[in-house]
Amino acid sequence: MPILMIVLLFAVMYFMMIRPQQKRRRDAEQMQAAIGAGDEVVTIGGLYGTVTGVDDETVMLEVAPGVQTRYARPAIARVVKTAERIESVPEEADAKE
């Protein structure tokens, strides 16, 4: 019986602590991967800026007119406003109509 209680305690700890943390980390990674030019973001330091360029590991932010700074992708805490991206339509689809 005591072993069952210990196993139950570990199961509860897994579902209450570890699993939600993994979900938050996964969501943050997806958000950071989806960042694109024109998005308005907030860094972990509280700096607001507009994304002007994206690299594999870094993001260029315009924090004031003409002032650009470079940050690591994990330094982006959240996206405030997503830019509307124009999806490219193949010219072949337009030619068929």
C-alpha atoms as a PDB file:
ATOM      1  CA  MET A   1       0.000   0.000   0.000  1.00  0.00           C
ATOM      2  CA  PRO A   2       2.759   2.567   0.781  1.00  0.00           C
ATOM      3  CA  ILE A   3       4.403   1.885  -2.596  1.00  0.00           C
ATOM      4  CA  LEU A   4       1.101   2.555  -4.344  1.00  0.00           C
ATOM      5  CA  MET A   5       0.856   5.915  -2.545  1.00  0.00           C
ATOM      6  CA  ILE A   6       4.379   6.878  -3.670  1.00  0.00           C
ATOM      7  CA  VAL A   7       3.603   5.929  -7.284  1.00  0.00           C
ATOM      8  CA  LEU A   8       0.362   7.903  -7.096  1.00  0.00           C
ATOM      9  CA  LEU A   9       2.238  10.909  -5.695  1.00  0.00           C
ATOM     10  CA  PHE A  10       4.722  10.841  -8.592  1.00  0.00           C
ATOM     11  CA  ALA A  11       1.884  10.523 -11.109  1.00  0.00           C
ATOM     12  CA  VAL A  12       0.117  13.548  -9.642  1.00  0.00           C
ATOM     13  CA  MET A  13       3.363  15.546  -9.663  1.00  0.00           C
ATOM     14  CA  TYR A  14       3.909  14.653 -13.323  1.00  0.00           C
ATOM     15  CA  PHE A  15       0.445  15.784 -14.413  1.00  0.00           C
ATOM     16  CA  MET A  16       0.421  18.903 -12.211  1.00  0.00           C
ATOM     17  CA  MET A  17       3.974  20.199 -12.744  1.00  0.00           C
ATOM     18  CA  ILE A  18       6.031  18.598 -15.493  1.00  0.00           C
ATOM     19  CA  ARG A  19       3.446  18.212 -18.248  1.00  0.00           C
ATOM     20  CA  PRO A  20       2.154  21.828 -18.176  1.00  0.00           C
ATOM     21  CA  GLN A  21       5.737  23.110 -18.206  1.00  0.00           C
ATOM     22  CA  GLN A  22       6.509  21.042 -21.304  1.00  0.00           C
ATOM     23  CA  LYS A  23       3.387  22.435 -23.005  1.00  0.00           C
ATOM     24  CA  ARG A  24       4.406  26.035 -22.223  1.00  0.00           C
ATOM     25  CA  ARG A  25       7.914  25.402 -23.591  1.00  0.00           C
ATOM     26  CA  ARG A  26       6.484  23.833 -26.761  1.00  0.00           C
ATOM     27  CA  ASP A  27       4.113  26.781 -27.267  1.00  0.00           C
ATOM     28  CA  ALA A  28       6.970  29.279 -26.798  1.00  0.00           C
ATOM     29  CA  GLU A  29       9.127  27.445 -29.345  1.00  0.00           C
ATOM     30  CA  GLN A  30       6.284  27.478 -31.881  1.00  0.00           C
ATOM     31  CA  MET A  31       5.688  31.194 -31.315  1.00  0.00           C
ATOM     32  CA  GLN A  32       9.389  31.972 -31.757  1.00  0.00           C
ATOM     33  CA  ALA A  33       9.565  29.877 -34.923  1.00  0.00           C
ATOM     34  CA  ALA A  34       6.566  31.704 -36.428  1.00  0.00           C
ATOM     35  CA  ILE A  35       8.016  35.207 -35.964  1.00  0.00           C
ATOM     36  CA  GLY A  36       8.253  37.121 -39.226  1.00  0.00           C
ATOM     37  CA  ALA A  37       9.034  40.587 -40.519  1.00  0.00           C
ATOM     38  CA  GLY A  38       6.469  43.181 -39.497  1.00  0.00           C
ATOM     39  CA  ASP A  39       5.416  41.468 -36.260  1.00  0.00           C
ATOM     40  CA  GLU A  40       5.324  43.615 -33.140  1.00  0.00           C
ATOM     41  CA  VAL A  41       6.965  41.764 -30.242  1.00  0.00           C
ATOM     42  CA  VAL A  42       8.016  42.188 -26.614  1.00  0.00           C
ATOM     43  CA  THR A  43      11.369  40.878 -25.392  1.00  0.00           C
ATOM     44  CA  ILE A  44      11.918  39.205 -22.036  1.00  0.00           C
ATOM     45  CA  GLY A  45      13.357  42.535 -20.853  1.00  0.00           C
ATOM     46  CA  GLY A  46      10.132  44.374 -21.699  1.00  0.00           C
ATOM     47  CA  LEU A  47      11.380  46.122 -24.854  1.00  0.00           C
ATOM     48  CA  TYR A  48       8.728  46.624 -27.551  1.00  0.00           C
ATOM     49  CA  GLY A  49       9.843  46.510 -31.171  1.00  0.00           C
ATOM     50  CA  THR A  50       8.930  45.632 -34.727  1.00  0.00           C
ATOM     51  CA  VAL A  51      10.661  42.701 -36.406  1.00  0.00           C
ATOM     52  CA  THR A  52      12.604  43.833 -39.472  1.00  0.00           C
ATOM     53  CA  GLY A  53      14.598  40.692 -40.151  1.00  0.00           C
ATOM     54  CA  VAL A  54      14.754  37.079 -39.048  1.00  0.00           C
ATOM     55  CA  ASP A  55      17.714  34.714 -39.082  1.00  0.00           C
ATOM     56  CA  ASP A  56      18.066  31.118 -37.854  1.00  0.00           C
ATOM     57  CA  GLU A  57      19.110  32.192 -34.351  1.00  0.00           C
ATOM     58  CA  THR A  58      18.537  35.954 -34.233  1.00  0.00           C
ATOM     59  CA  VAL A  59      15.804  38.521 -34.764  1.00  0.00           C
ATOM     60  CA  MET A  60      16.378  42.153 -35.805  1.00  0.00           C
ATOM     61  CA  LEU A  61      14.038  44.587 -34.053  1.00  0.00           C
ATOM     62  CA  GLU A  62      13.384  48.210 -34.873  1.00  0.00           C
ATOM     63  CA  VAL A  63      12.897  49.825 -31.458  1.00  0.00           C
ATOM     64  CA  ALA A  64      12.747  53.419 -32.733  1.00  0.00           C
ATOM     65  CA  PRO A  65      12.732  54.938 -36.215  1.00  0.00           C
ATOM     66  CA  GLY A  66      16.116  54.034 -37.700  1.00  0.00           C
ATOM     67  CA  VAL A  67      17.335  52.146 -34.596  1.00  0.00           C
ATOM     68  CA  GLN A  68      17.710  48.389 -35.040  1.00  0.00           C
ATOM     69  CA  THR A  69      18.918  45.906 -32.454  1.00  0.00           C
ATOM     70  CA  ARG A  70      19.625  42.201 -32.695  1.00  0.00           C
ATOM     71  CA  TYR A  71      18.201  39.661 -30.237  1.00  0.00           C
ATOM     72  CA  ALA A  72      18.337  35.896 -29.872  1.00  0.00           C
ATOM     73  CA  ARG A  73      15.048  34.196 -30.756  1.00  0.00           C
ATOM     74  CA  PRO A  74      14.515  32.869 -27.190  1.00  0.00           C
ATOM     75  CA  ALA A  75      14.636  36.492 -25.945  1.00  0.00           C
ATOM     76  CA  ILE A  76      11.244  37.154 -27.558  1.00  0.00           C
ATOM     77  CA  ALA A  77       8.618  36.778 -24.824  1.00  0.00           C
ATOM     78  CA  ARG A  78       5.460  37.296 -26.860  1.00  0.00           C
ATOM     79  CA  VAL A  79       4.034  38.604 -30.102  1.00  0.00           C
ATOM     80  CA  VAL A  80       1.841  41.669 -29.555  1.00  0.00           C
ATOM     81  CA  LYS A  81       0.549  42.020 -33.105  1.00  0.00           C
ATOM     82  CA  THR A  82       1.115  39.733 -36.059  1.00  0.00           C
ATOM     83  CA  ALA A  83       1.765  41.340 -39.420  1.00  0.00           C
ATOM     84  CA  GLU A  84      -0.499  40.376 -42.271  1.00  0.00           C
ATOM     85  CA  ARG A  85       1.597  38.408 -44.689  1.00  0.00           C
ATOM     86  CA  ILE A  86       0.699  38.309 -48.355  1.00  0.00           C
ATOM     87  CA  GLU A  87       0.650  34.723 -49.463  1.00  0.00           C
ATOM     88  CA  SER A  88       2.254  34.182 -52.835  1.00  0.00           C
ATOM     89  CA  VAL A  89      -0.110  32.718 -55.393  1.00  0.00           C
ATOM     90  CA  PRO A  90       1.574  30.848 -58.226  1.00  0.00           C
ATOM     91  CA  GLU A  91       1.227  32.618 -61.558  1.00  0.00           C
ATOM     92  CA  GLU A  92       0.015  29.383 -63.167  1.00  0.00           C
ATOM     93  CA  ALA A  93      -3.191  29.540 -61.100  1.00  0.00           C
ATOM     94  CA  ASP A  94      -3.856  33.084 -62.315  1.00  0.00           C
ATOM     95  CA  ALA A  95      -3.202  32.106 -65.966  1.00  0.00           C
ATOM     96  CA  LYS A  96      -5.805  29.304 -65.868  1.00  0.00           C
ATOM     97  CA  GLU A  97      -8.641  31.672 -64.995  1.00  0.00           C
END
